[in-house]
PDB file of N, CA and C in Angstrom:
ATOM      1  N   MET A   1     112.506  99.715  91.091  1.00  0.00           N
ATOM      2  CA  MET A   1     110.656 100.173  91.076  1.00  0.00           C
ATOM      3  C   MET A   1     110.658 101.094  92.516  1.00  0.00           C
ATOM      4  N   ALA A   2     109.788 101.598  92.627  1.00  0.00           N
ATOM      5  CA  ALA A   2     109.805 102.642  93.408  1.00  0.00           C
ATOM      6  C   ALA A   2     108.555 102.081  94.381  1.00  0.00           C
ATOM      7  N   ALA A   3     108.676 102.254  95.575  1.00  0.00           N
ATOM      8  CA  ALA A   3     107.462 101.606  96.556  1.00  0.00           C
ATOM      9  C   ALA A   3     106.307 102.906  96.030  1.00  0.00           C
ATOM     10  N   PRO A   4     105.008 102.283  96.321  1.00  0.00           N
ATOM     11  CA  PRO A   4     103.980 102.859  96.430  1.00  0.00           C
ATOM     12  C   PRO A   4     103.456 103.532  97.365  1.00  0.00           C
ATOM     13  N   LEU A   5     102.769 104.868  96.961  1.00  0.00           N
ATOM     14  CA  LEU A   5     102.388 106.011  98.131  1.00  0.00           C
ATOM     15  C   LEU A   5     101.506 105.697  98.270  1.00  0.00           C
ATOM     16  N   LEU A   6     101.552 105.268 100.052  1.00  0.00           N
ATOM     17  CA  LEU A   6     100.108 105.307 100.625  1.00  0.00           C
ATOM     18  C   LEU A   6      99.620 106.511 101.437  1.00  0.00           C
ATOM     19  N   GLN A   7      98.491 106.406 101.646  1.00  0.00           N
ATOM     20  CA  GLN A   7      98.047 108.196 102.257  1.00  0.00           C
ATOM     21  C   GLN A   7      96.554 107.518 102.407  1.00  0.00           C
ATOM     22  N   ALA A   8      96.200 108.059 103.999  1.00  0.00           N
ATOM     23  CA  ALA A   8      94.821 107.834 104.193  1.00  0.00           C
ATOM     24  C   ALA A   8      94.654 109.416 105.415  1.00  0.00           C
ATOM     25  N   GLN A   9      93.350 109.222 105.119  1.00  0.00           N
ATOM     26  CA  GLN A   9      92.761 110.977 105.578  1.00  0.00           C
ATOM     27  C   GLN A   9      92.132 110.576 106.426  1.00  0.00           C
ATOM     28  N   VAL A  10      91.703 111.520 107.651  1.00  0.00           N
ATOM     29  CA  VAL A  10      90.555 111.065 108.709  1.00  0.00           C
ATOM     30  C   VAL A  10      89.898 112.706 109.213  1.00  0.00           C
ATOM     31  N   ASP A  11      88.794 112.616 109.033  1.00  0.00           N
ATOM     32  CA  ASP A  11      88.342 114.476 109.106  1.00  0.00           C
ATOM     33  C   ASP A  11      87.729 113.923 111.138  1.00  0.00           C
ATOM     34  N   ILE A  12      88.501 114.876 111.840  1.00  0.00           N
ATOM     35  CA  ILE A  12      88.422 114.774 113.343  1.00  0.00           C
ATOM     36  C   ILE A  12      87.349 115.724 113.644  1.00  0.00           C
ATOM     37  N   ASP A  13      86.179 115.686 114.160  1.00  0.00           N
ATOM     38  CA  ASP A  13      84.873 116.815 114.695  1.00  0.00           C
ATOM     39  C   ASP A  13      85.907 117.116 116.287  1.00  0.00           C
ATOM     40  N   ALA A  14      86.991 118.312 116.111  1.00  0.00           N
ATOM     41  CA  ALA A  14      87.243 118.539 117.849  1.00  0.00           C
ATOM     42  C   ALA A  14      88.293 119.764 116.790  1.00  0.00           C
ATOM     43  N   PRO A  15      88.439 120.359 117.694  1.00  0.00           N
ATOM     44  CA  PRO A  15      89.425 121.581 117.652  1.00  0.00           C
ATOM     45  C   PRO A  15      90.956 121.099 117.503  1.00  0.00           C
ATOM     46  N   VAL A  16      91.798 121.631 116.792  1.00  0.00           N
ATOM     47  CA  VAL A  16      92.957 121.188 116.390  1.00  0.00           C
ATOM     48  C   VAL A  16      93.666 121.076 117.871  1.00  0.00           C
ATOM     49  N   THR A  17      93.834 122.111 118.991  1.00  0.00           N
ATOM     50  CA  THR A  17      94.326 121.753 120.194  1.00  0.00           C
ATOM     51  C   THR A  17      94.281 120.425 121.031  1.00  0.00           C
ATOM     52  N   THR A  18      92.883 120.305 121.034  1.00  0.00           N
ATOM     53  CA  THR A  18      92.515 119.049 121.387  1.00  0.00           C
ATOM     54  C   THR A  18      92.988 118.133 120.628  1.00  0.00           C
ATOM     55  N   VAL A  19      93.525 117.614 119.929  1.00  0.00           N
ATOM     56  CA  VAL A  19      93.137 116.881 118.813  1.00  0.00           C
ATOM     57  C   VAL A  19      95.059 116.513 118.794  1.00  0.00           C
ATOM     58  N   TRP A  20      96.019 117.747 118.772  1.00  0.00           N
ATOM     59  CA  TRP A  20      97.093 117.884 118.997  1.00  0.00           C
ATOM     60  C   TRP A  20      97.823 117.297 120.683  1.00  0.00           C
ATOM     61  N   ALA A  21      96.556 117.732 121.758  1.00  0.00           N
ATOM     62  CA  ALA A  21      96.829 117.509 123.191  1.00  0.00           C
ATOM     63  C   ALA A  21      97.288 115.751 123.029  1.00  0.00           C
ATOM     64  N   LEU A  22      96.010 115.556 122.409  1.00  0.00           N
ATOM     65  CA  LEU A  22      95.355 113.485 122.652  1.00  0.00           C
ATOM     66  C   LEU A  22      97.029 112.879 121.742  1.00  0.00           C
ATOM     67  N   VAL A  23      96.762 113.204 120.459  1.00  0.00           N
ATOM     68  CA  VAL A  23      98.490 112.531 119.814  1.00  0.00           C
ATOM     69  C   VAL A  23     100.043 112.991 120.187  1.00  0.00           C
ATOM     70  N   SER A  24      99.899 114.028 120.726  1.00  0.00           N
ATOM     71  CA  SER A  24     101.181 114.036 121.013  1.00  0.00           C
ATOM     72  C   SER A  24     101.995 113.978 122.460  1.00  0.00           C
ATOM     73  N   ASP A  25     100.379 113.576 123.154  1.00  0.00           N
ATOM     74  CA  ASP A  25     101.194 112.980 124.236  1.00  0.00           C
ATOM     75  C   ASP A  25     101.924 111.123 124.321  1.00  0.00           C
ATOM     76  N   LEU A  26     102.862 110.885 123.969  1.00  0.00           N
ATOM     77  CA  LEU A  26     103.276 109.783 123.921  1.00  0.00           C
ATOM     78  C   LEU A  26     103.133 108.462 124.674  1.00  0.00           C
ATOM     79  N   ASN A  27     102.242 109.048 126.202  1.00  0.00           N
ATOM     80  CA  ASN A  27     102.187 107.867 126.828  1.00  0.00           C
ATOM     81  C   ASN A  27     100.820 107.267 126.173  1.00  0.00           C
ATOM     82  N   ARG A  28     100.327 107.762 125.741  1.00  0.00           N
ATOM     83  CA  ARG A  28      99.341 107.423 125.585  1.00  0.00           C
ATOM     84  C   ARG A  28      99.071 106.409 123.953  1.00  0.00           C
ATOM     85  N   MET A  29     100.448 106.402 123.004  1.00  0.00           N
ATOM     86  CA  MET A  29     100.568 106.114 121.967  1.00  0.00           C
ATOM     87  C   MET A  29      99.779 104.316 121.804  1.00  0.00           C
ATOM     88  N   PRO A  30      99.949 103.829 122.862  1.00  0.00           N
ATOM     89  CA  PRO A  30      99.395 102.384 122.849  1.00  0.00           C
ATOM     90  C   PRO A  30      98.207 102.292 122.660  1.00  0.00           C
ATOM     91  N   GLN A  31      97.504 103.639 123.038  1.00  0.00           N
ATOM     92  CA  GLN A  31      95.940 102.944 122.817  1.00  0.00           C
ATOM     93  C   GLN A  31      95.074 103.311 121.475  1.00  0.00           C
ATOM     94  N   TRP A  32      95.788 104.290 120.450  1.00  0.00           N
ATOM     95  CA  TRP A  32      95.828 104.429 119.409  1.00  0.00           C
ATOM     96  C   TRP A  32      96.761 103.958 118.568  1.00  0.00           C
ATOM     97  N   SER A  33      97.607 102.755 118.990  1.00  0.00           N
ATOM     98  CA  SER A  33      98.904 102.109 117.773  1.00  0.00           C
ATOM     99  C   SER A  33      98.547 100.873 118.237  1.00  0.00           C
ATOM    100  N   PRO A  34      97.541  99.482 117.083  1.00  0.00           N
ATOM    101  CA  PRO A  34      97.718  98.772 117.749  1.00  0.00           C
ATOM    102  C   PRO A  34      99.017  97.923 118.083  1.00  0.00           C
ATOM    103  N   GLN A  35     100.196  98.476 116.938  1.00  0.00           N
ATOM    104  CA  GLN A  35     101.388  97.752 116.866  1.00  0.00           C
ATOM    105  C   GLN A  35     102.392  97.907 118.525  1.00  0.00           C
ATOM    106  N   CYS A  36     101.648  98.857 119.304  1.00  0.00           N
ATOM    107  CA  CYS A  36     102.612  99.435 120.013  1.00  0.00           C
ATOM    108  C   CYS A  36     101.930  98.838 121.624  1.00  0.00           C
ATOM    109  N   ARG A  37     103.311  98.291 122.294  1.00  0.00           N
ATOM    110  CA  ARG A  37     102.078  97.629 123.780  1.00  0.00           C
ATOM    111  C   ARG A  37     102.883  98.233 124.645  1.00  0.00           C
ATOM    112  N   LEU A  38     103.756  99.082 124.564  1.00  0.00           N
ATOM    113  CA  LEU A  38     104.235  99.873 125.763  1.00  0.00           C
ATOM    114  C   LEU A  38     104.880 100.904 125.186  1.00  0.00           C
ATOM    115  N   MET A  39     105.233 102.369 125.746  1.00  0.00           N
ATOM    116  CA  MET A  39     106.091 103.469 125.150  1.00  0.00           C
ATOM    117  C   MET A  39     106.026 104.221 126.837  1.00  0.00           C
ATOM    118  N   LYS A  40     107.538 104.271 127.164  1.00  0.00           N
ATOM    119  CA  LYS A  40     107.918 104.410 128.324  1.00  0.00           C
ATOM    120  C   LYS A  40     108.645 105.406 128.209  1.00  0.00           C
ATOM    121  N   ALA A  41     108.900 106.847 128.845  1.00  0.00           N
ATOM    122  CA  ALA A  41     109.942 107.629 128.327  1.00  0.00           C
ATOM    123  C   ALA A  41     111.052 107.740 129.384  1.00  0.00           C
ATOM    124  N   LEU A  42     112.015 107.748 129.075  1.00  0.00           N
ATOM    125  CA  LEU A  42     113.620 107.667 129.555  1.00  0.00           C
ATOM    126  C   LEU A  42     113.887 109.028 130.244  1.00  0.00           C
ATOM    127  N   GLY A  43     114.675 108.669 131.711  1.00  0.00           N
ATOM    128  CA  GLY A  43     114.899 110.016 132.085  1.00  0.00           C
ATOM    129  C   GLY A  43     114.187 111.320 132.635  1.00  0.00           C
ATOM    130  N   GLY A  44     112.569 111.024 132.161  1.00  0.00           N
ATOM    131  CA  GLY A  44     111.575 112.125 133.034  1.00  0.00           C
ATOM    132  C   GLY A  44     110.725 111.779 133.973  1.00  0.00           C
ATOM    133  N   PRO A  45     110.052 112.257 134.400  1.00  0.00           N
ATOM    134  CA  PRO A  45     108.869 112.288 135.533  1.00  0.00           C
ATOM    135  C   PRO A  45     107.866 111.282 135.151  1.00  0.00           C
ATOM    136  N   PRO A  46     107.662 109.895 135.971  1.00  0.00           N
ATOM    137  CA  PRO A  46     106.527 109.478 135.384  1.00  0.00           C
ATOM    138  C   PRO A  46     105.285 110.135 135.418  1.00  0.00           C
ATOM    139  N   ARG A  47     103.977 109.423 134.786  1.00  0.00           N
ATOM    140  CA  ARG A  47     103.112 109.552 134.600  1.00  0.00           C
ATOM    141  C   ARG A  47     102.715 111.142 134.321  1.00  0.00           C
ATOM    142  N   GLN A  48     103.362 112.187 133.869  1.00  0.00           N
ATOM    143  CA  GLN A  48     103.291 113.078 133.098  1.00  0.00           C
ATOM    144  C   GLN A  48     103.108 113.249 131.900  1.00  0.00           C
ATOM    145  N   PRO A  49     101.920 113.600 131.102  1.00  0.00           N
ATOM    146  CA  PRO A  49     102.111 114.040 129.709  1.00  0.00           C
ATOM    147  C   PRO A  49     103.441 114.293 129.195  1.00  0.00           C
ATOM    148  N   VAL A  50     104.101 113.095 128.024  1.00  0.00           N
ATOM    149  CA  VAL A  50     105.224 113.162 127.170  1.00  0.00           C
ATOM    150  C   VAL A  50     104.896 113.697 126.130  1.00  0.00           C
ATOM    151  N   ARG A  51     105.760 114.858 126.050  1.00  0.00           N
ATOM    152  CA  ARG A  51     105.281 115.902 125.224  1.00  0.00           C
ATOM    153  C   ARG A  51     106.405 115.486 123.571  1.00  0.00           C
ATOM    154  N   VAL A  52     106.061 116.141 122.567  1.00  0.00           N
ATOM    155  CA  VAL A  52     107.015 115.228 121.322  1.00  0.00           C
ATOM    156  C   VAL A  52     108.516 116.463 121.550  1.00  0.00           C
ATOM    157  N   SER A  53     109.271 116.314 121.109  1.00  0.00           N
ATOM    158  CA  SER A  53     110.474 117.192 121.799  1.00  0.00           C
ATOM    159  C   SER A  53     112.083 116.271 121.028  1.00  0.00           C
ATOM    160  N   LYS A  54     112.942 117.005 120.673  1.00  0.00           N
ATOM    161  CA  LYS A  54     114.161 116.708 120.030  1.00  0.00           C
ATOM    162  C   LYS A  54     115.111 115.743 120.944  1.00  0.00           C
ATOM    163  N   ALA A  55     114.634 116.263 122.288  1.00  0.00           N
ATOM    164  CA  ALA A  55     115.718 115.641 123.239  1.00  0.00           C
ATOM    165  C   ALA A  55     114.979 114.487 123.808  1.00  0.00           C
ATOM    166  N   ALA A  56     113.774 114.131 123.384  1.00  0.00           N
ATOM    167  CA  ALA A  56     112.459 112.971 124.583  1.00  0.00           C
ATOM    168  C   ALA A  56     113.449 111.604 123.896  1.00  0.00           C
ATOM    169  N   ARG A  57     113.591 110.448 124.625  1.00  0.00           N
ATOM    170  CA  ARG A  57     113.887 109.487 124.152  1.00  0.00           C
ATOM    171  C   ARG A  57     113.334 108.603 124.956  1.00  0.00           C
ATOM    172  N   PHE A  58     112.608 107.291 124.455  1.00  0.00           N
ATOM    173  CA  PHE A  58     111.961 106.082 124.919  1.00  0.00           C
ATOM    174  C   PHE A  58     112.408 104.370 124.617  1.00  0.00           C
ATOM    175  N   LEU A  59     111.818 104.136 125.555  1.00  0.00           N
ATOM    176  CA  LEU A  59     111.614 102.549 125.601  1.00  0.00           C
ATOM    177  C   LEU A  59     110.516 102.169 124.892  1.00  0.00           C
ATOM    178  N   ILE A  60     110.460 101.491 123.888  1.00  0.00           N
ATOM    179  CA  ILE A  60     109.264 101.155 123.004  1.00  0.00           C
ATOM    180  C   ILE A  60     108.970 100.162 122.828  1.00  0.00           C
ATOM    181  N   LEU A  61     108.075  99.261 123.024  1.00  0.00           N
ATOM    182  CA  LEU A  61     107.601  97.694 122.811  1.00  0.00           C
ATOM    183  C   LEU A  61     106.927  97.358 121.790  1.00  0.00           C
ATOM    184  N   LEU A  62     107.301  96.863 120.849  1.00  0.00           N
ATOM    185  CA  LEU A  62     106.016  96.952 119.661  1.00  0.00           C
ATOM    186  C   LEU A  62     105.709  95.476 119.816  1.00  0.00           C
ATOM    187  N   ARG A  63     104.309  95.212 119.103  1.00  0.00           N
ATOM    188  CA  ARG A  63     104.624  93.756 118.653  1.00  0.00           C
ATOM    189  C   ARG A  63     103.855  93.553 117.244  1.00  0.00           C
ATOM    190  N   TYR A  64     104.486  92.458 116.586  1.00  0.00           N
ATOM    191  CA  TYR A  64     104.691  92.479 114.962  1.00  0.00           C
ATOM    192  C   TYR A  64     104.066  90.956 115.033  1.00  0.00           C
ATOM    193  N   ALA A  65     103.030  91.240 114.083  1.00  0.00           N
ATOM    194  CA  ALA A  65     101.937  90.045 113.383  1.00  0.00           C
ATOM    195  C   ALA A  65     102.844  89.621 112.362  1.00  0.00           C
ATOM    196  N   PHE A  66     103.117  88.730 111.998  1.00  0.00           N
ATOM    197  CA  PHE A  66     103.702  87.739 110.974  1.00  0.00           C
ATOM    198  C   PHE A  66     102.974  86.995 109.743  1.00  0.00           C
ATOM    199  N   ILE A  67     102.497  87.667 108.551  1.00  0.00           N
ATOM    200  CA  ILE A  67     101.239  86.470 107.718  1.00  0.00           C
ATOM    201  C   ILE A  67     102.142  86.038 106.918  1.00  0.00           C
TER     202      ILE A  67
END
């Protein structure tokens, strides 16, 4: 049996460039993902916005809640 397809949609009243700048800065992931406790870029300068790229490497600390 195939897994059900889950979808969600949110309308954001902001320009696409503004939204993309926020969600593509991976250092900010803990601010908008409740499961992500820490996301740190490996091999890059600290405290700069880390953007999505094929060569980017990260250390990610997640919190899992089991019910």
